[in-house]
Amino acid sequence: MLLISSPRFEEHVTPPGHPERPERAHVFDAIAASWRAQDGTVMEPRPATREELARVHDAAHLDRIESVAGKPSMLDPDTFTSPESYEIALLAAGAAVQAARHAVQTRETAFALVRPPGHHAERDKPMGFCLYNNVAVAAAAARASGVERVAIVDIDVHHGNGTQWMFYDDPRVLYISSHQFPFYPGTGAADEIGTGAGAGFTVNIPMDAGATDADYDLVYRTVTVPILEQFTPQLTLISAGYDAHEADPLASMRMSATGYARIIARLKAAASKSGALALVTEGGYDLPALRDCVQGTLSILDADMIGFANEDSFRAQAAPRGERALAAVRAAHTGFWSGL
């Protein structure tokens, strides 16, 4: 497995007290150093090109982000830049492209440990800590290189509004998101399913506040995995946000690092049946929880843990919030996917 990261990700500086802080990069650095010490491969990211970014962002957006190079700015009430942020955001998007390309070309999993995150950035605007939509840039690059079907699975606690809208009418890019709902950014209802030829290829799994490992396992086992197996993506990209963890300060979920590892195990197993797998970090703002979740993800990706994913005793736990989310998805996607 390949890791893509760099100490430079700490150079994107946010105001004091901001949750998307440089210390998140220190977590990634420590994990990358440990991986390297175990003879694992860590690659330095390269910046995304304007051509790669322009597949999902319009020219005015690209010009606006470039215009803040070398100076601090406030792009919206949540989203800030420091003098180096333009360069660092290019590296984050470029790392996502590298991860996707490596996975497709070698069938070896790649994990980009990056900041700032990306899934809230829309075609024409930054928002929610995000400058460029890293995973969308990677998906579009894969499509441009000849990959016919790309799946994006967003496990962040917030809905990836930017990613959704970028591919909302595209049946070649499947977007699946589990997220606290209603919650920031206000999108992600179950009946947001795509439009035109893309109808059915956006799958939102709105989770009630307080959802547990069991709730998440239920919806991934009964919704996400069956849909992925029917779609047969040649590339699965995971927007790896870990802010549904019970310790995270920005949400109200009760996930654990073990629960996240179980999700990764299920997605790894599903992706292996039809194609390649790459991951790109999104949120996760409690530093010890972020460390534990990323390390748990690496443990799953680096080993055969299918039995862990299918442990029957775990299924027996109560999952009332998961049942409600499952009912909403079934109602919205009747006629699109079988076996839900």
C-alpha atoms as a PDB file:
ATOM      1  CA  MET A   1       0.000   0.000   0.000  1.00  0.00           C
ATOM      2  CA  LEU A   2       1.132   3.527  -0.797  1.00  0.00           C
ATOM      3  CA  LEU A   3       0.780   6.569   1.448  1.00  0.00           C
ATOM      4  CA  ILE A   4       0.931  10.046  -0.051  1.00  0.00           C
ATOM      5  CA  SER A   5       1.640  12.885   2.346  1.00  0.00           C
ATOM      6  CA  SER A   6       4.016  15.706   3.202  1.00  0.00           C
ATOM      7  CA  PRO A   7       5.028  17.833   6.207  1.00  0.00           C
ATOM      8  CA  ARG A   8       4.074  20.803   4.038  1.00  0.00           C
ATOM      9  CA  PHE A   9       0.404  20.244   4.846  1.00  0.00           C
ATOM     10  CA  GLU A  10       0.947  22.046   8.162  1.00  0.00           C
ATOM     11  CA  GLU A  11       1.721  25.242   6.219  1.00  0.00           C
ATOM     12  CA  HIS A  12      -1.986  25.865   5.591  1.00  0.00           C
ATOM     13  CA  VAL A  13      -2.639  27.957   8.706  1.00  0.00           C
ATOM     14  CA  THR A  14      -6.087  28.817  10.038  1.00  0.00           C
ATOM     15  CA  PRO A  15      -7.022  31.323  12.766  1.00  0.00           C
ATOM     16  CA  PRO A  16      -6.509  30.382  16.442  1.00  0.00           C
ATOM     17  CA  GLY A  17      -9.255  28.067  17.654  1.00  0.00           C
ATOM     18  CA  HIS A  18     -10.209  26.898  14.178  1.00  0.00           C
ATOM     19  CA  PRO A  19     -10.878  23.129  14.162  1.00  0.00           C
ATOM     20  CA  GLU A  20      -9.118  22.549  10.816  1.00  0.00           C
ATOM     21  CA  ARG A  21      -5.763  23.387  12.351  1.00  0.00           C
ATOM     22  CA  PRO A  22      -2.157  22.597  11.384  1.00  0.00           C
ATOM     23  CA  GLU A  23      -1.881  20.058  14.203  1.00  0.00           C
ATOM     24  CA  ARG A  24      -4.005  17.725  12.088  1.00  0.00           C
ATOM     25  CA  ALA A  25      -1.046  17.545   9.712  1.00  0.00           C
ATOM     26  CA  HIS A  26       1.199  16.557  12.616  1.00  0.00           C
ATOM     27  CA  VAL A  27      -0.994  13.473  13.097  1.00  0.00           C
ATOM     28  CA  PHE A  28      -0.530  12.574   9.448  1.00  0.00           C
ATOM     29  CA  ASP A  29       3.216  13.189   9.669  1.00  0.00           C
ATOM     30  CA  ALA A  30       3.598  10.845  12.643  1.00  0.00           C
ATOM     31  CA  ILE A  31       1.589   8.125  10.908  1.00  0.00           C
ATOM     32  CA  ALA A  32       3.599   8.522   7.696  1.00  0.00           C
ATOM     33  CA  ALA A  33       6.873   8.363   9.647  1.00  0.00           C
ATOM     34  CA  SER A  34       5.767   5.174  11.374  1.00  0.00           C
ATOM     35  CA  TRP A  35       4.716   3.678   8.047  1.00  0.00           C
ATOM     36  CA  ARG A  36       8.087   4.528   6.531  1.00  0.00           C
ATOM     37  CA  ALA A  37       9.884   3.019   9.531  1.00  0.00           C
ATOM     38  CA  GLN A  38       8.051  -0.247   8.824  1.00  0.00           C
ATOM     39  CA  ASP A  39       9.476  -0.183   5.279  1.00  0.00           C
ATOM     40  CA  GLY A  40       6.231   1.198   3.865  1.00  0.00           C
ATOM     41  CA  THR A  41       6.300   3.577   0.912  1.00  0.00           C
ATOM     42  CA  VAL A  42       5.417   7.243   1.411  1.00  0.00           C
ATOM     43  CA  MET A  43       5.283   9.453  -1.680  1.00  0.00           C
ATOM     44  CA  GLU A  44       5.516  13.232  -1.728  1.00  0.00           C
ATOM     45  CA  PRO A  45       2.508  14.874  -3.401  1.00  0.00           C
ATOM     46  CA  ARG A  46       2.732  16.946  -6.531  1.00  0.00           C
ATOM     47  CA  PRO A  47       0.469  19.924  -7.216  1.00  0.00           C
ATOM     48  CA  ALA A  48      -2.690  19.482  -9.229  1.00  0.00           C
ATOM     49  CA  THR A  49      -2.653  21.157 -12.621  1.00  0.00           C
ATOM     50  CA  ARG A  50      -5.170  23.759 -13.690  1.00  0.00           C
ATOM     51  CA  GLU A  51      -6.451  21.303 -16.305  1.00  0.00           C
ATOM     52  CA  GLU A  52      -7.173  18.734 -13.583  1.00  0.00           C
ATOM     53  CA  LEU A  53      -8.916  21.295 -11.386  1.00  0.00           C
ATOM     54  CA  ALA A  54     -10.931  22.734 -14.284  1.00  0.00           C
ATOM     55  CA  ARG A  55     -12.706  19.432 -14.847  1.00  0.00           C
ATOM     56  CA  VAL A  56     -14.755  20.102 -11.690  1.00  0.00           C
ATOM     57  CA  HIS A  57     -14.236  23.810 -10.872  1.00  0.00           C
ATOM     58  CA  ASP A  58     -15.087  26.797 -13.035  1.00  0.00           C
ATOM     59  CA  ALA A  59     -12.500  29.360 -14.106  1.00  0.00           C
ATOM     60  CA  ALA A  60     -13.733  32.081 -11.753  1.00  0.00           C
ATOM     61  CA  HIS A  61     -13.283  29.781  -8.774  1.00  0.00           C
ATOM     62  CA  LEU A  62      -9.769  28.834  -9.829  1.00  0.00           C
ATOM     63  CA  ASP A  63      -8.855  32.472 -10.366  1.00  0.00           C
ATOM     64  CA  ARG A  64     -10.236  33.424  -6.944  1.00  0.00           C
ATOM     65  CA  ILE A  65      -8.194  30.809  -5.084  1.00  0.00           C
ATOM     66  CA  GLU A  66      -5.066  31.693  -7.051  1.00  0.00           C
ATOM     67  CA  SER A  67      -5.590  35.379  -6.248  1.00  0.00           C
ATOM     68  CA  VAL A  68      -5.089  34.773  -2.516  1.00  0.00           C
ATOM     69  CA  ALA A  69      -1.660  33.185  -2.988  1.00  0.00           C
ATOM     70  CA  GLY A  70       0.852  34.799  -0.653  1.00  0.00           C
ATOM     71  CA  LYS A  71      -1.654  36.494   1.632  1.00  0.00           C
ATOM     72  CA  PRO A  72      -4.201  35.626   4.322  1.00  0.00           C
ATOM     73  CA  SER A  73      -7.875  35.844   3.485  1.00  0.00           C
ATOM     74  CA  MET A  74     -11.359  34.845   4.627  1.00  0.00           C
ATOM     75  CA  LEU A  75     -13.238  33.129   1.790  1.00  0.00           C
ATOM     76  CA  ASP A  76     -16.388  32.464   3.812  1.00  0.00           C
ATOM     77  CA  PRO A  77     -17.194  32.496   7.554  1.00  0.00           C
ATOM     78  CA  ASP A  78     -15.559  29.058   7.985  1.00  0.00           C
ATOM     79  CA  THR A  79     -12.894  29.032   5.280  1.00  0.00           C
ATOM     80  CA  PHE A  80      -9.587  30.870   5.558  1.00  0.00           C
ATOM     81  CA  THR A  81      -6.244  30.974   3.791  1.00  0.00           C
ATOM     82  CA  SER A  82      -2.736  31.835   4.899  1.00  0.00           C
ATOM     83  CA  PRO A  83       0.053  32.906   2.518  1.00  0.00           C
ATOM     84  CA  GLU A  84       0.943  29.283   1.669  1.00  0.00           C
ATOM     85  CA  SER A  85      -2.602  27.912   1.415  1.00  0.00           C
ATOM     86  CA  TYR A  86      -2.867  28.136  -2.364  1.00  0.00           C
ATOM     87  CA  GLU A  87       0.192  25.942  -2.840  1.00  0.00           C
ATOM     88  CA  ILE A  88      -0.885  23.508  -0.129  1.00  0.00           C
ATOM     89  CA  ALA A  89      -4.388  23.154  -1.564  1.00  0.00           C
ATOM     90  CA  LEU A  90      -2.845  22.329  -4.935  1.00  0.00           C
ATOM     91  CA  LEU A  91      -0.787  19.611  -3.230  1.00  0.00           C
ATOM     92  CA  ALA A  92      -3.893  18.179  -1.539  1.00  0.00           C
ATOM     93  CA  ALA A  93      -5.765  17.911  -4.831  1.00  0.00           C
ATOM     94  CA  GLY A  94      -2.692  16.589  -6.596  1.00  0.00           C
ATOM     95  CA  ALA A  95      -2.192  13.919  -3.938  1.00  0.00           C
ATOM     96  CA  ALA A  96      -5.759  12.731  -4.499  1.00  0.00           C
ATOM     97  CA  VAL A  97      -5.104  12.417  -8.232  1.00  0.00           C
ATOM     98  CA  GLN A  98      -1.883  10.525  -7.543  1.00  0.00           C
ATOM     99  CA  ALA A  99      -3.669   8.125  -5.186  1.00  0.00           C
ATOM    100  CA  ALA A 100      -6.382   7.360  -7.728  1.00  0.00           C
ATOM    101  CA  ARG A 101      -3.901   6.932 -10.564  1.00  0.00           C
ATOM    102  CA  HIS A 102      -1.641   4.646  -8.544  1.00  0.00           C
ATOM    103  CA  ALA A 103      -4.556   2.480  -7.481  1.00  0.00           C
ATOM    104  CA  VAL A 104      -5.842   2.092 -11.035  1.00  0.00           C
ATOM    105  CA  GLN A 105      -2.448   1.412 -12.583  1.00  0.00           C
ATOM    106  CA  THR A 106      -1.123  -1.012  -9.963  1.00  0.00           C
ATOM    107  CA  ARG A 107      -4.240  -2.324  -8.172  1.00  0.00           C
ATOM    108  CA  GLU A 108      -2.422  -1.406  -4.977  1.00  0.00           C
ATOM    109  CA  THR A 109      -4.403   0.683  -2.501  1.00  0.00           C
ATOM    110  CA  ALA A 110      -3.255   4.282  -2.049  1.00  0.00           C
ATOM    111  CA  PHE A 111      -4.122   6.615   0.831  1.00  0.00           C
ATOM    112  CA  ALA A 112      -3.625  10.394   0.557  1.00  0.00           C
ATOM    113  CA  LEU A 113      -3.219  12.014   3.993  1.00  0.00           C
ATOM    114  CA  VAL A 114      -3.963  15.629   3.163  1.00  0.00           C
ATOM    115  CA  ARG A 115      -5.388  18.919   4.319  1.00  0.00           C
ATOM    116  CA  PRO A 116      -7.291  21.107   3.690  1.00  0.00           C
ATOM    117  CA  PRO A 117     -10.242  18.760   3.135  1.00  0.00           C
ATOM    118  CA  GLY A 118     -12.277  19.053  -0.044  1.00  0.00           C
ATOM    119  CA  HIS A 119     -15.766  17.613  -0.232  1.00  0.00           C
ATOM    120  CA  HIS A 120     -17.654  20.860   0.538  1.00  0.00           C
ATOM    121  CA  ALA A 121     -15.942  22.863  -2.226  1.00  0.00           C
ATOM    122  CA  GLU A 122     -18.407  23.383  -5.065  1.00  0.00           C
ATOM    123  CA  ARG A 123     -17.788  24.054  -8.728  1.00  0.00           C
ATOM    124  CA  ASP A 124     -17.866  27.800  -8.188  1.00  0.00           C
ATOM    125  CA  LYS A 125     -16.992  28.384  -4.526  1.00  0.00           C
ATOM    126  CA  PRO A 126     -14.938  27.270  -1.544  1.00  0.00           C
ATOM    127  CA  MET A 127     -16.776  26.467   1.677  1.00  0.00           C
ATOM    128  CA  GLY A 128     -16.658  24.445   4.867  1.00  0.00           C
ATOM    129  CA  PHE A 129     -12.833  24.582   5.254  1.00  0.00           C
ATOM    130  CA  CYS A 130     -12.411  23.356   1.646  1.00  0.00           C
ATOM    131  CA  LEU A 131     -10.656  25.157  -1.230  1.00  0.00           C
ATOM    132  CA  TYR A 132     -10.609  22.514  -3.964  1.00  0.00           C
ATOM    133  CA  ASN A 133     -12.705  19.360  -4.046  1.00  0.00           C
ATOM    134  CA  ASN A 134      -9.861  16.869  -3.820  1.00  0.00           C
ATOM    135  CA  VAL A 135     -11.812  13.646  -4.309  1.00  0.00           C
ATOM    136  CA  ALA A 136     -13.848  15.095  -7.174  1.00  0.00           C
ATOM    137  CA  VAL A 137     -10.667  16.215  -8.921  1.00  0.00           C
ATOM    138  CA  ALA A 138      -9.351  12.657  -8.542  1.00  0.00           C
ATOM    139  CA  ALA A 139     -12.563  11.097  -9.833  1.00  0.00           C
ATOM    140  CA  ALA A 140     -12.638  13.384 -12.869  1.00  0.00           C
ATOM    141  CA  ALA A 141      -8.973  12.642 -13.595  1.00  0.00           C
ATOM    142  CA  ALA A 142      -9.691   8.924 -13.476  1.00  0.00           C
ATOM    143  CA  ARG A 143     -12.609   9.330 -15.849  1.00  0.00           C
ATOM    144  CA  ALA A 144     -10.454  11.380 -18.223  1.00  0.00           C
ATOM    145  CA  SER A 145      -7.838   8.623 -18.209  1.00  0.00           C
ATOM    146  CA  GLY A 146     -10.367   6.053 -19.391  1.00  0.00           C
ATOM    147  CA  VAL A 147     -11.873   4.639 -16.207  1.00  0.00           C
ATOM    148  CA  GLU A 148     -15.528   4.041 -17.101  1.00  0.00           C
ATOM    149  CA  ARG A 149     -17.135   3.784 -13.648  1.00  0.00           C
ATOM    150  CA  VAL A 150     -15.976   5.532 -10.490  1.00  0.00           C
ATOM    151  CA  ALA A 151     -17.634   5.227  -7.084  1.00  0.00           C
ATOM    152  CA  ILE A 152     -17.115   7.813  -4.349  1.00  0.00           C
ATOM    153  CA  VAL A 153     -18.073   6.740  -0.836  1.00  0.00           C
ATOM    154  CA  ASP A 154     -18.113   9.622   1.632  1.00  0.00           C
ATOM    155  CA  ILE A 155     -17.825   8.500   5.267  1.00  0.00           C
ATOM    156  CA  ASP A 156     -17.413  12.011   6.700  1.00  0.00           C
ATOM    157  CA  VAL A 157     -20.057  13.092   9.236  1.00  0.00           C
ATOM    158  CA  HIS A 158     -20.960  16.054   7.014  1.00  0.00           C
ATOM    159  CA  HIS A 159     -22.609  15.671   3.626  1.00  0.00           C
ATOM    160  CA  GLY A 160     -20.278  16.295   0.701  1.00  0.00           C
ATOM    161  CA  ASN A 161     -22.428  18.846  -1.076  1.00  0.00           C
ATOM    162  CA  GLY A 162     -19.692  19.809  -3.518  1.00  0.00           C
ATOM    163  CA  THR A 163     -19.001  16.254  -4.610  1.00  0.00           C
ATOM    164  CA  GLN A 164     -22.686  15.511  -4.977  1.00  0.00           C
ATOM    165  CA  TRP A 165     -23.487  18.451  -7.232  1.00  0.00           C
ATOM    166  CA  MET A 166     -20.428  17.962  -9.431  1.00  0.00           C
ATOM    167  CA  PHE A 167     -21.638  14.518 -10.507  1.00  0.00           C
ATOM    168  CA  TYR A 168     -25.388  14.861  -9.920  1.00  0.00           C
ATOM    169  CA  ASP A 169     -26.329  14.140 -13.545  1.00  0.00           C
ATOM    170  CA  ASP A 170     -23.516  11.693 -14.310  1.00  0.00           C
ATOM    171  CA  PRO A 171     -24.316   7.951 -14.260  1.00  0.00           C
ATOM    172  CA  ARG A 172     -20.631   7.079 -14.571  1.00  0.00           C
ATOM    173  CA  VAL A 173     -19.801   8.456 -11.105  1.00  0.00           C
ATOM    174  CA  LEU A 174     -21.728   6.917  -8.208  1.00  0.00           C
ATOM    175  CA  TYR A 175     -21.791   9.047  -5.056  1.00  0.00           C
ATOM    176  CA  ILE A 176     -22.766   7.444  -1.734  1.00  0.00           C
ATOM    177  CA  SER A 177     -22.696   9.467   1.483  1.00  0.00           C
ATOM    178  CA  SER A 178     -23.550   8.625   5.087  1.00  0.00           C
ATOM    179  CA  HIS A 179     -23.850  11.749   7.230  1.00  0.00           C
ATOM    180  CA  GLN A 180     -25.553  13.342  10.197  1.00  0.00           C
ATOM    181  CA  PHE A 181     -28.817  14.896   9.028  1.00  0.00           C
ATOM    182  CA  PRO A 182     -30.125  17.529   9.362  1.00  0.00           C
ATOM    183  CA  PHE A 183     -26.743  19.145   9.834  1.00  0.00           C
ATOM    184  CA  TYR A 184     -24.187  21.312   8.039  1.00  0.00           C
ATOM    185  CA  PRO A 185     -24.267  22.040   5.106  1.00  0.00           C
ATOM    186  CA  GLY A 186     -28.025  21.347   4.926  1.00  0.00           C
ATOM    187  CA  THR A 187     -27.940  19.024   1.916  1.00  0.00           C
ATOM    188  CA  GLY A 188     -28.003  15.243   1.769  1.00  0.00           C
ATOM    189  CA  ALA A 189     -31.651  14.261   2.172  1.00  0.00           C
ATOM    190  CA  ALA A 190     -32.488  10.750   1.015  1.00  0.00           C
ATOM    191  CA  ASP A 191     -34.600  12.085  -1.863  1.00  0.00           C
ATOM    192  CA  GLU A 192     -31.578  13.847  -3.411  1.00  0.00           C
ATOM    193  CA  ILE A 193     -30.894  11.007  -5.839  1.00  0.00           C
ATOM    194  CA  GLY A 194     -29.454  12.656  -8.938  1.00  0.00           C
ATOM    195  CA  THR A 195     -31.080  14.063 -12.027  1.00  0.00           C
ATOM    196  CA  GLY A 196     -31.502  13.093 -15.674  1.00  0.00           C
ATOM    197  CA  ALA A 197     -29.233  10.226 -16.634  1.00  0.00           C
ATOM    198  CA  GLY A 198     -27.717  10.460 -13.151  1.00  0.00           C
ATOM    199  CA  ALA A 199     -30.962   9.632 -11.327  1.00  0.00           C
ATOM    200  CA  GLY A 200     -30.262   6.886  -8.817  1.00  0.00           C
ATOM    201  CA  PHE A 201     -26.502   7.423  -8.852  1.00  0.00           C
ATOM    202  CA  THR A 202     -26.508   9.747  -5.840  1.00  0.00           C
ATOM    203  CA  VAL A 203     -27.296   7.756  -2.697  1.00  0.00           C
ATOM    204  CA  ASN A 204     -27.667   9.764   0.491  1.00  0.00           C
ATOM    205  CA  ILE A 205     -27.907   7.940   3.812  1.00  0.00           C
ATOM    206  CA  PRO A 206     -29.118  10.529   6.344  1.00  0.00           C
ATOM    207  CA  MET A 207     -28.234   9.436   9.894  1.00  0.00           C
ATOM    208  CA  ASP A 208     -29.861  10.761  13.053  1.00  0.00           C
ATOM    209  CA  ALA A 209     -27.642  12.388  15.665  1.00  0.00           C
ATOM    210  CA  GLY A 210     -26.354   9.822  18.115  1.00  0.00           C
ATOM    211  CA  ALA A 211     -25.824   7.059  15.568  1.00  0.00           C
ATOM    212  CA  THR A 212     -23.527   4.288  16.785  1.00  0.00           C
ATOM    213  CA  ASP A 213     -21.159   1.775  15.242  1.00  0.00           C
ATOM    214  CA  ALA A 214     -24.083  -0.630  14.895  1.00  0.00           C
ATOM    215  CA  ASP A 215     -26.204   1.941  13.047  1.00  0.00           C
ATOM    216  CA  TYR A 216     -23.416   2.637  10.593  1.00  0.00           C
ATOM    217  CA  ASP A 217     -22.621  -1.025  10.088  1.00  0.00           C
ATOM    218  CA  LEU A 218     -26.259  -1.732   9.281  1.00  0.00           C
ATOM    219  CA  VAL A 219     -26.465   0.844   6.486  1.00  0.00           C
ATOM    220  CA  TYR A 220     -23.075  -0.042   5.023  1.00  0.00           C
ATOM    221  CA  ARG A 221     -23.919  -3.732   5.061  1.00  0.00           C
ATOM    222  CA  THR A 222     -27.414  -3.372   3.609  1.00  0.00           C
ATOM    223  CA  VAL A 223     -27.157  -0.271   1.383  1.00  0.00           C
ATOM    224  CA  THR A 224     -23.627   0.723   0.452  1.00  0.00           C
ATOM    225  CA  VAL A 225     -22.095  -2.668  -0.247  1.00  0.00           C
ATOM    226  CA  PRO A 226     -25.013  -4.058  -2.332  1.00  0.00           C
ATOM    227  CA  ILE A 227     -25.095  -0.904  -4.459  1.00  0.00           C
ATOM    228  CA  LEU A 228     -21.335  -0.964  -5.003  1.00  0.00           C
ATOM    229  CA  GLU A 229     -21.526  -4.603  -6.048  1.00  0.00           C
ATOM    230  CA  GLN A 230     -24.230  -3.773  -8.611  1.00  0.00           C
ATOM    231  CA  PHE A 231     -22.415  -0.704  -9.941  1.00  0.00           C
ATOM    232  CA  THR A 232     -19.088  -2.611 -10.279  1.00  0.00           C
ATOM    233  CA  PRO A 233     -16.785   0.438 -10.126  1.00  0.00           C
ATOM    234  CA  GLN A 234     -13.360   0.133 -11.658  1.00  0.00           C
ATOM    235  CA  LEU A 235     -12.204   2.614  -9.032  1.00  0.00           C
ATOM    236  CA  THR A 236     -13.633   3.233  -5.574  1.00  0.00           C
ATOM    237  CA  LEU A 237     -12.609   6.470  -3.878  1.00  0.00           C
ATOM    238  CA  ILE A 238     -13.274   6.971  -0.173  1.00  0.00           C
ATOM    239  CA  SER A 239     -13.718  10.461   1.212  1.00  0.00           C
ATOM    240  CA  ALA A 240     -12.210   9.439   4.538  1.00  0.00           C
ATOM    241  CA  GLY A 241     -13.602  11.814   7.126  1.00  0.00           C
ATOM    242  CA  TYR A 242     -13.434  10.620  10.733  1.00  0.00           C
ATOM    243  CA  ASP A 243     -15.582  13.263  12.416  1.00  0.00           C
ATOM    244  CA  ALA A 244     -18.449  10.895  13.234  1.00  0.00           C
ATOM    245  CA  HIS A 245     -16.219   9.672  16.074  1.00  0.00           C
ATOM    246  CA  GLU A 246     -17.773  10.105  19.505  1.00  0.00           C
ATOM    247  CA  ALA A 247     -14.938  12.439  20.601  1.00  0.00           C
ATOM    248  CA  ASP A 248     -15.192  14.811  17.654  1.00  0.00           C
ATOM    249  CA  PRO A 249     -16.159  18.373  18.662  1.00  0.00           C
ATOM    250  CA  LEU A 250     -18.117  19.247  15.500  1.00  0.00           C
ATOM    251  CA  ALA A 251     -20.791  16.546  15.404  1.00  0.00           C
ATOM    252  CA  SER A 252     -23.067  14.438  17.585  1.00  0.00           C
ATOM    253  CA  MET A 253     -22.355  10.867  16.578  1.00  0.00           C
ATOM    254  CA  ARG A 254     -21.112   7.935  18.683  1.00  0.00           C
ATOM    255  CA  MET A 255     -18.811   6.119  16.323  1.00  0.00           C
ATOM    256  CA  SER A 256     -15.553   4.531  17.519  1.00  0.00           C
ATOM    257  CA  ALA A 257     -12.281   3.847  15.735  1.00  0.00           C
ATOM    258  CA  THR A 258     -13.319   0.185  15.639  1.00  0.00           C
ATOM    259  CA  GLY A 259     -16.582   1.100  13.944  1.00  0.00           C
ATOM    260  CA  TYR A 260     -14.713   3.085  11.327  1.00  0.00           C
ATOM    261  CA  ALA A 261     -12.348   0.173  10.753  1.00  0.00           C
ATOM    262  CA  ARG A 262     -15.339  -2.066  10.138  1.00  0.00           C
ATOM    263  CA  ILE A 263     -16.660   0.335   7.482  1.00  0.00           C
ATOM    264  CA  ILE A 264     -13.262   0.351   5.778  1.00  0.00           C
ATOM    265  CA  ALA A 265     -13.156  -3.450   5.853  1.00  0.00           C
ATOM    266  CA  ARG A 266     -16.540  -3.643   4.131  1.00  0.00           C
ATOM    267  CA  LEU A 267     -15.552  -1.088   1.497  1.00  0.00           C
ATOM    268  CA  LYS A 268     -12.222  -2.779   0.884  1.00  0.00           C
ATOM    269  CA  ALA A 269     -13.959  -6.115   0.312  1.00  0.00           C
ATOM    270  CA  ALA A 270     -16.520  -4.569  -2.042  1.00  0.00           C
ATOM    271  CA  ALA A 271     -13.907  -2.635  -4.034  1.00  0.00           C
ATOM    272  CA  SER A 272     -11.720  -5.685  -4.493  1.00  0.00           C
ATOM    273  CA  LYS A 273     -14.460  -7.459  -6.429  1.00  0.00           C
ATOM    274  CA  SER A 274     -14.440  -5.049  -9.358  1.00  0.00           C
ATOM    275  CA  GLY A 275     -11.550  -2.618  -9.248  1.00  0.00           C
ATOM    276  CA  ALA A 276      -9.080  -0.450  -7.379  1.00  0.00           C
ATOM    277  CA  LEU A 277      -9.321   1.450  -4.104  1.00  0.00           C
ATOM    278  CA  ALA A 278      -7.953   4.847  -3.055  1.00  0.00           C
ATOM    279  CA  LEU A 279      -8.656   7.034  -0.032  1.00  0.00           C
ATOM    280  CA  VAL A 280      -8.379  10.766   0.623  1.00  0.00           C
ATOM    281  CA  THR A 281      -8.752  12.341   4.056  1.00  0.00           C
ATOM    282  CA  GLU A 282     -11.547  14.780   4.801  1.00  0.00           C
ATOM    283  CA  GLY A 283     -12.583  15.813   8.345  1.00  0.00           C
ATOM    284  CA  GLY A 284     -11.707  14.574  11.819  1.00  0.00           C
ATOM    285  CA  TYR A 285     -10.993  17.255  14.410  1.00  0.00           C
ATOM    286  CA  ASP A 286     -10.221  15.477  17.669  1.00  0.00           C
ATOM    287  CA  LEU A 287      -6.532  14.694  17.275  1.00  0.00           C
ATOM    288  CA  PRO A 288      -6.333  11.432  19.275  1.00  0.00           C
ATOM    289  CA  ALA A 289      -9.491  10.144  17.554  1.00  0.00           C
ATOM    290  CA  LEU A 290      -8.115  11.137  14.157  1.00  0.00           C
ATOM    291  CA  ARG A 291      -4.888   9.267  14.910  1.00  0.00           C
ATOM    292  CA  ASP A 292      -6.723   6.144  16.082  1.00  0.00           C
ATOM    293  CA  CYS A 293      -9.083   6.134  13.099  1.00  0.00           C
ATOM    294  CA  VAL A 294      -6.356   6.593  10.489  1.00  0.00           C
ATOM    295  CA  GLN A 295      -4.214   3.917  12.131  1.00  0.00           C
ATOM    296  CA  GLY A 296      -7.219   1.603  12.237  1.00  0.00           C
ATOM    297  CA  THR A 297      -7.836   2.239   8.560  1.00  0.00           C
ATOM    298  CA  LEU A 298      -4.234   1.398   7.722  1.00  0.00           C
ATOM    299  CA  SER A 299      -4.444  -1.817   9.730  1.00  0.00           C
ATOM    300  CA  ILE A 300      -7.473  -2.911   7.718  1.00  0.00           C
ATOM    301  CA  LEU A 301      -6.019  -1.913   4.374  1.00  0.00           C
ATOM    302  CA  ASP A 302      -2.761  -3.694   5.105  1.00  0.00           C
ATOM    303  CA  ALA A 303      -4.302  -7.011   6.182  1.00  0.00           C
ATOM    304  CA  ASP A 304      -7.017  -9.522   5.376  1.00  0.00           C
ATOM    305  CA  MET A 305      -9.769  -8.444   7.780  1.00  0.00           C
ATOM    306  CA  ILE A 306     -12.888  -9.645   5.982  1.00  0.00           C
ATOM    307  CA  GLY A 307     -13.880 -11.800   8.955  1.00  0.00           C
ATOM    308  CA  PHE A 308     -13.702  -8.723  11.149  1.00  0.00           C
ATOM    309  CA  ALA A 309     -16.209  -6.955   8.889  1.00  0.00           C
ATOM    310  CA  ASN A 310     -18.671  -9.839   8.958  1.00  0.00           C
ATOM    311  CA  GLU A 311     -18.604 -10.609  12.675  1.00  0.00           C
ATOM    312  CA  ASP A 312     -22.112 -11.877  13.479  1.00  0.00           C
ATOM    313  CA  SER A 313     -22.100 -10.761  17.117  1.00  0.00           C
ATOM    314  CA  PHE A 314     -21.741  -7.163  16.003  1.00  0.00           C
ATOM    315  CA  ARG A 315     -24.864  -7.409  13.848  1.00  0.00           C
ATOM    316  CA  ALA A 316     -26.935  -8.348  16.868  1.00  0.00           C
ATOM    317  CA  GLN A 317     -26.583  -4.916  18.457  1.00  0.00           C
ATOM    318  CA  ALA A 318     -29.560  -2.563  18.352  1.00  0.00           C
ATOM    319  CA  ALA A 319     -29.458  -0.066  15.492  1.00  0.00           C
ATOM    320  CA  PRO A 320     -32.677   2.010  15.570  1.00  0.00           C
ATOM    321  CA  ARG A 321     -31.141   5.054  13.878  1.00  0.00           C
ATOM    322  CA  GLY A 322     -29.698   2.846  11.181  1.00  0.00           C
ATOM    323  CA  GLU A 323     -33.109   1.298  10.578  1.00  0.00           C
ATOM    324  CA  ARG A 324     -34.638   4.748  10.041  1.00  0.00           C
ATOM    325  CA  ALA A 325     -31.886   5.694   7.602  1.00  0.00           C
ATOM    326  CA  LEU A 326     -32.319   2.407   5.771  1.00  0.00           C
ATOM    327  CA  ALA A 327     -36.066   2.996   5.389  1.00  0.00           C
ATOM    328  CA  ALA A 328     -35.449   6.466   3.927  1.00  0.00           C
ATOM    329  CA  VAL A 329     -32.955   5.145   1.372  1.00  0.00           C
ATOM    330  CA  ARG A 330     -35.229   2.281   0.361  1.00  0.00           C
ATOM    331  CA  ALA A 331     -38.106   4.690  -0.232  1.00  0.00           C
ATOM    332  CA  ALA A 332     -35.968   7.014  -2.358  1.00  0.00           C
ATOM    333  CA  HIS A 333     -34.265   4.338  -4.458  1.00  0.00           C
ATOM    334  CA  THR A 334     -37.096   1.946  -5.236  1.00  0.00           C
ATOM    335  CA  GLY A 335     -36.585   0.911  -8.845  1.00  0.00           C
ATOM    336  CA  PHE A 336     -32.910   1.883  -9.017  1.00  0.00           C
ATOM    337  CA  TRP A 337     -31.103  -0.786  -6.976  1.00  0.00           C
ATOM    338  CA  SER A 338     -32.194  -4.307  -6.138  1.00  0.00           C
ATOM    339  CA  GLY A 339     -31.767  -6.079  -2.840  1.00  0.00           C
ATOM    340  CA  LEU A 340     -32.023  -3.046  -0.541  1.00  0.00           C
END
